[in-house]
Amino acid sequence: MSRLRVAIHGSPNEQDETIAFDALDMATALAIADINLATGNAEIWEGEHRLARLDKLGQARTTYWRVT
């Protein structure tokens, strides 16, 4: 299995900004997205294939992910 890429879209200051991180597996990719994204969305990629789009929803201590 190749490395996964986590693309986090937008930040409070720069809505058009995308930050990418490498991950060794899906569990690590999800942890990276959770730690680095307060609200908004991220994508998990394997090469040129998008595996998932994650939308972090909710409020401070009651966040949850919508996966598409």
N, C-alpha and C. Protein backbone atom coordinates (compact mmCIF):
# COMPACT_ATOMS: atom_id res chain seq x y z
N MET A 1 0.84 -1.18 0.00
CA MET A 1 0.00 0.00 0.00
C MET A 1 0.88 1.24 0.00
N SER A 2 0.55 2.20 -0.84
CA SER A 2 1.33 3.42 -0.89
C SER A 2 0.90 4.36 0.23
N ARG A 3 1.67 5.40 0.42
CA ARG A 3 1.34 6.38 1.44
C ARG A 3 0.07 7.12 1.06
N LEU A 4 -0.63 7.58 2.09
CA LEU A 4 -1.82 8.37 1.89
C LEU A 4 -1.48 9.83 2.07
N ARG A 5 -2.25 10.69 1.45
CA ARG A 5 -2.07 12.14 1.60
C ARG A 5 -3.36 12.71 2.18
N VAL A 6 -3.23 13.51 3.22
CA VAL A 6 -4.37 14.18 3.84
C VAL A 6 -4.30 15.64 3.41
N ALA A 7 -5.30 16.09 2.66
CA ALA A 7 -5.36 17.48 2.21
C ALA A 7 -6.41 18.20 3.04
N ILE A 8 -5.97 19.19 3.80
CA ILE A 8 -6.87 19.96 4.66
C ILE A 8 -7.13 21.29 3.96
N HIS A 9 -8.40 21.58 3.76
CA HIS A 9 -8.79 22.76 2.97
C HIS A 9 -9.25 23.89 3.87
N GLY A 10 -8.66 25.06 3.62
CA GLY A 10 -9.07 26.27 4.31
C GLY A 10 -8.56 26.36 5.73
N SER A 11 -8.53 27.57 6.20
CA SER A 11 -8.19 27.87 7.58
C SER A 11 -8.99 29.12 7.94
N PRO A 12 -9.09 29.45 9.19
CA PRO A 12 -9.85 30.66 9.54
C PRO A 12 -9.35 31.92 8.82
N ASN A 13 -8.05 31.98 8.54
CA ASN A 13 -7.48 33.18 7.91
C ASN A 13 -7.44 33.08 6.39
N GLU A 14 -7.25 31.91 5.84
CA GLU A 14 -7.09 31.71 4.39
C GLU A 14 -8.01 30.60 3.92
N GLN A 15 -9.19 30.95 3.43
CA GLN A 15 -10.17 29.95 3.02
C GLN A 15 -9.72 29.14 1.81
N ASP A 16 -8.86 29.70 0.95
CA ASP A 16 -8.42 29.00 -0.25
C ASP A 16 -7.16 28.17 -0.03
N GLU A 17 -6.61 28.21 1.16
CA GLU A 17 -5.36 27.51 1.47
C GLU A 17 -5.60 26.00 1.61
N THR A 18 -4.67 25.20 1.09
CA THR A 18 -4.70 23.75 1.28
C THR A 18 -3.36 23.32 1.86
N ILE A 19 -3.42 22.54 2.94
CA ILE A 19 -2.22 22.00 3.57
C ILE A 19 -2.28 20.49 3.43
N ALA A 20 -1.17 19.87 3.07
CA ALA A 20 -1.14 18.42 2.87
C ALA A 20 -0.15 17.76 3.82
N PHE A 21 -0.54 16.59 4.32
CA PHE A 21 0.30 15.77 5.19
C PHE A 21 0.34 14.36 4.63
N ASP A 22 1.45 13.67 4.82
CA ASP A 22 1.56 12.26 4.45
C ASP A 22 1.20 11.39 5.64
N ALA A 23 0.58 10.25 5.36
CA ALA A 23 0.22 9.29 6.42
C ALA A 23 0.54 7.89 5.93
N LEU A 24 0.92 7.02 6.85
CA LEU A 24 1.26 5.65 6.50
C LEU A 24 0.03 4.76 6.33
N ASP A 25 -1.06 5.09 7.03
CA ASP A 25 -2.26 4.25 6.95
C ASP A 25 -3.50 5.10 7.23
N MET A 26 -4.68 4.48 7.09
CA MET A 26 -5.93 5.21 7.24
C MET A 26 -6.12 5.73 8.66
N ALA A 27 -5.77 4.95 9.66
CA ALA A 27 -5.93 5.40 11.06
C ALA A 27 -5.10 6.65 11.32
N THR A 28 -3.89 6.67 10.81
CA THR A 28 -3.03 7.84 10.98
C THR A 28 -3.58 9.03 10.21
N ALA A 29 -4.10 8.79 9.01
CA ALA A 29 -4.69 9.86 8.20
C ALA A 29 -5.87 10.51 8.93
N LEU A 30 -6.71 9.69 9.54
CA LEU A 30 -7.85 10.22 10.29
C LEU A 30 -7.40 11.01 11.52
N ALA A 31 -6.39 10.53 12.20
CA ALA A 31 -5.85 11.24 13.36
C ALA A 31 -5.26 12.59 12.94
N ILE A 32 -4.54 12.62 11.84
CA ILE A 32 -3.97 13.87 11.33
C ILE A 32 -5.08 14.86 11.02
N ALA A 33 -6.12 14.41 10.35
CA ALA A 33 -7.24 15.30 10.02
C ALA A 33 -7.91 15.82 11.28
N ASP A 34 -8.12 14.95 12.25
CA ASP A 34 -8.80 15.36 13.48
C ASP A 34 -7.99 16.38 14.26
N ILE A 35 -6.70 16.19 14.35
CA ILE A 35 -5.83 17.10 15.11
C ILE A 35 -5.70 18.45 14.42
N ASN A 36 -5.62 18.46 13.10
CA ASN A 36 -5.29 19.68 12.37
C ASN A 36 -6.48 20.43 11.81
N LEU A 37 -7.69 19.97 12.09
CA LEU A 37 -8.87 20.61 11.52
C LEU A 37 -9.90 20.84 12.61
N ALA A 38 -10.14 22.12 12.94
CA ALA A 38 -11.16 22.44 13.95
C ALA A 38 -12.56 22.30 13.35
N THR A 39 -12.77 22.90 12.20
CA THR A 39 -14.01 22.77 11.44
C THR A 39 -13.65 22.83 9.97
N GLY A 40 -14.52 22.39 9.11
CA GLY A 40 -14.27 22.43 7.68
C GLY A 40 -14.12 21.05 7.10
N ASN A 41 -13.28 20.92 6.06
CA ASN A 41 -13.18 19.63 5.40
C ASN A 41 -11.76 19.27 5.01
N ALA A 42 -11.60 17.98 4.78
CA ALA A 42 -10.32 17.42 4.37
C ALA A 42 -10.60 16.28 3.40
N GLU A 43 -9.60 15.90 2.66
CA GLU A 43 -9.70 14.76 1.75
C GLU A 43 -8.53 13.83 2.01
N ILE A 44 -8.78 12.55 1.85
CA ILE A 44 -7.72 11.55 1.97
C ILE A 44 -7.52 10.95 0.58
N TRP A 45 -6.27 11.00 0.11
CA TRP A 45 -5.92 10.56 -1.24
C TRP A 45 -4.91 9.42 -1.18
N GLU A 46 -5.01 8.52 -2.14
CA GLU A 46 -3.99 7.51 -2.39
C GLU A 46 -3.58 7.70 -3.83
N GLY A 47 -2.44 8.33 -4.03
CA GLY A 47 -2.03 8.70 -5.39
C GLY A 47 -3.01 9.73 -5.94
N GLU A 48 -3.59 9.44 -7.10
CA GLU A 48 -4.55 10.34 -7.74
C GLU A 48 -6.00 9.95 -7.43
N HIS A 49 -6.18 8.97 -6.56
CA HIS A 49 -7.51 8.46 -6.23
C HIS A 49 -7.96 9.00 -4.86
N ARG A 50 -9.08 9.75 -4.86
CA ARG A 50 -9.60 10.23 -3.59
C ARG A 50 -10.35 9.11 -2.89
N LEU A 51 -9.92 8.78 -1.68
CA LEU A 51 -10.55 7.72 -0.91
C LEU A 51 -11.74 8.23 -0.11
N ALA A 52 -11.65 9.46 0.41
CA ALA A 52 -12.73 9.98 1.24
C ALA A 52 -12.66 11.49 1.31
N ARG A 53 -13.82 12.08 1.49
CA ARG A 53 -13.93 13.50 1.83
C ARG A 53 -14.53 13.54 3.22
N LEU A 54 -13.89 14.30 4.10
CA LEU A 54 -14.30 14.40 5.50
C LEU A 54 -14.78 15.82 5.80
N ASP A 55 -15.97 15.94 6.34
CA ASP A 55 -16.49 17.22 6.78
C ASP A 55 -16.63 17.17 8.29
N LYS A 56 -15.90 18.03 9.00
CA LYS A 56 -15.97 18.06 10.46
C LYS A 56 -17.08 19.02 10.86
N LEU A 57 -18.05 18.50 11.57
CA LEU A 57 -19.24 19.26 11.93
C LEU A 57 -19.42 19.27 13.45
N GLY A 58 -20.32 20.09 13.92
CA GLY A 58 -20.62 20.12 15.34
C GLY A 58 -20.00 21.33 16.02
N GLN A 59 -19.94 21.26 17.34
CA GLN A 59 -19.41 22.36 18.14
C GLN A 59 -18.29 21.85 19.03
N ALA A 60 -17.66 22.75 19.75
CA ALA A 60 -16.43 22.52 20.51
C ALA A 60 -16.18 21.08 20.94
N ARG A 61 -16.94 20.54 21.85
CA ARG A 61 -16.65 19.19 22.37
C ARG A 61 -17.57 18.12 21.81
N THR A 62 -18.36 18.49 20.83
CA THR A 62 -19.29 17.52 20.24
C THR A 62 -19.13 17.45 18.73
N THR A 63 -17.89 17.40 18.27
CA THR A 63 -17.66 17.33 16.83
C THR A 63 -17.85 15.91 16.33
N TYR A 64 -18.16 15.81 15.06
CA TYR A 64 -18.30 14.51 14.40
C TYR A 64 -17.94 14.68 12.94
N TRP A 65 -17.69 13.58 12.26
CA TRP A 65 -17.28 13.58 10.86
C TRP A 65 -18.40 13.07 9.97
N ARG A 66 -18.62 13.75 8.85
CA ARG A 66 -19.46 13.23 7.78
C ARG A 66 -18.47 12.76 6.71
N VAL A 67 -18.56 11.51 6.35
CA VAL A 67 -17.63 10.93 5.37
C VAL A 67 -18.37 10.67 4.07
N THR A 68 -17.83 11.20 2.97
CA THR A 68 -18.42 10.96 1.64
C THR A 68 -17.37 10.51 0.68
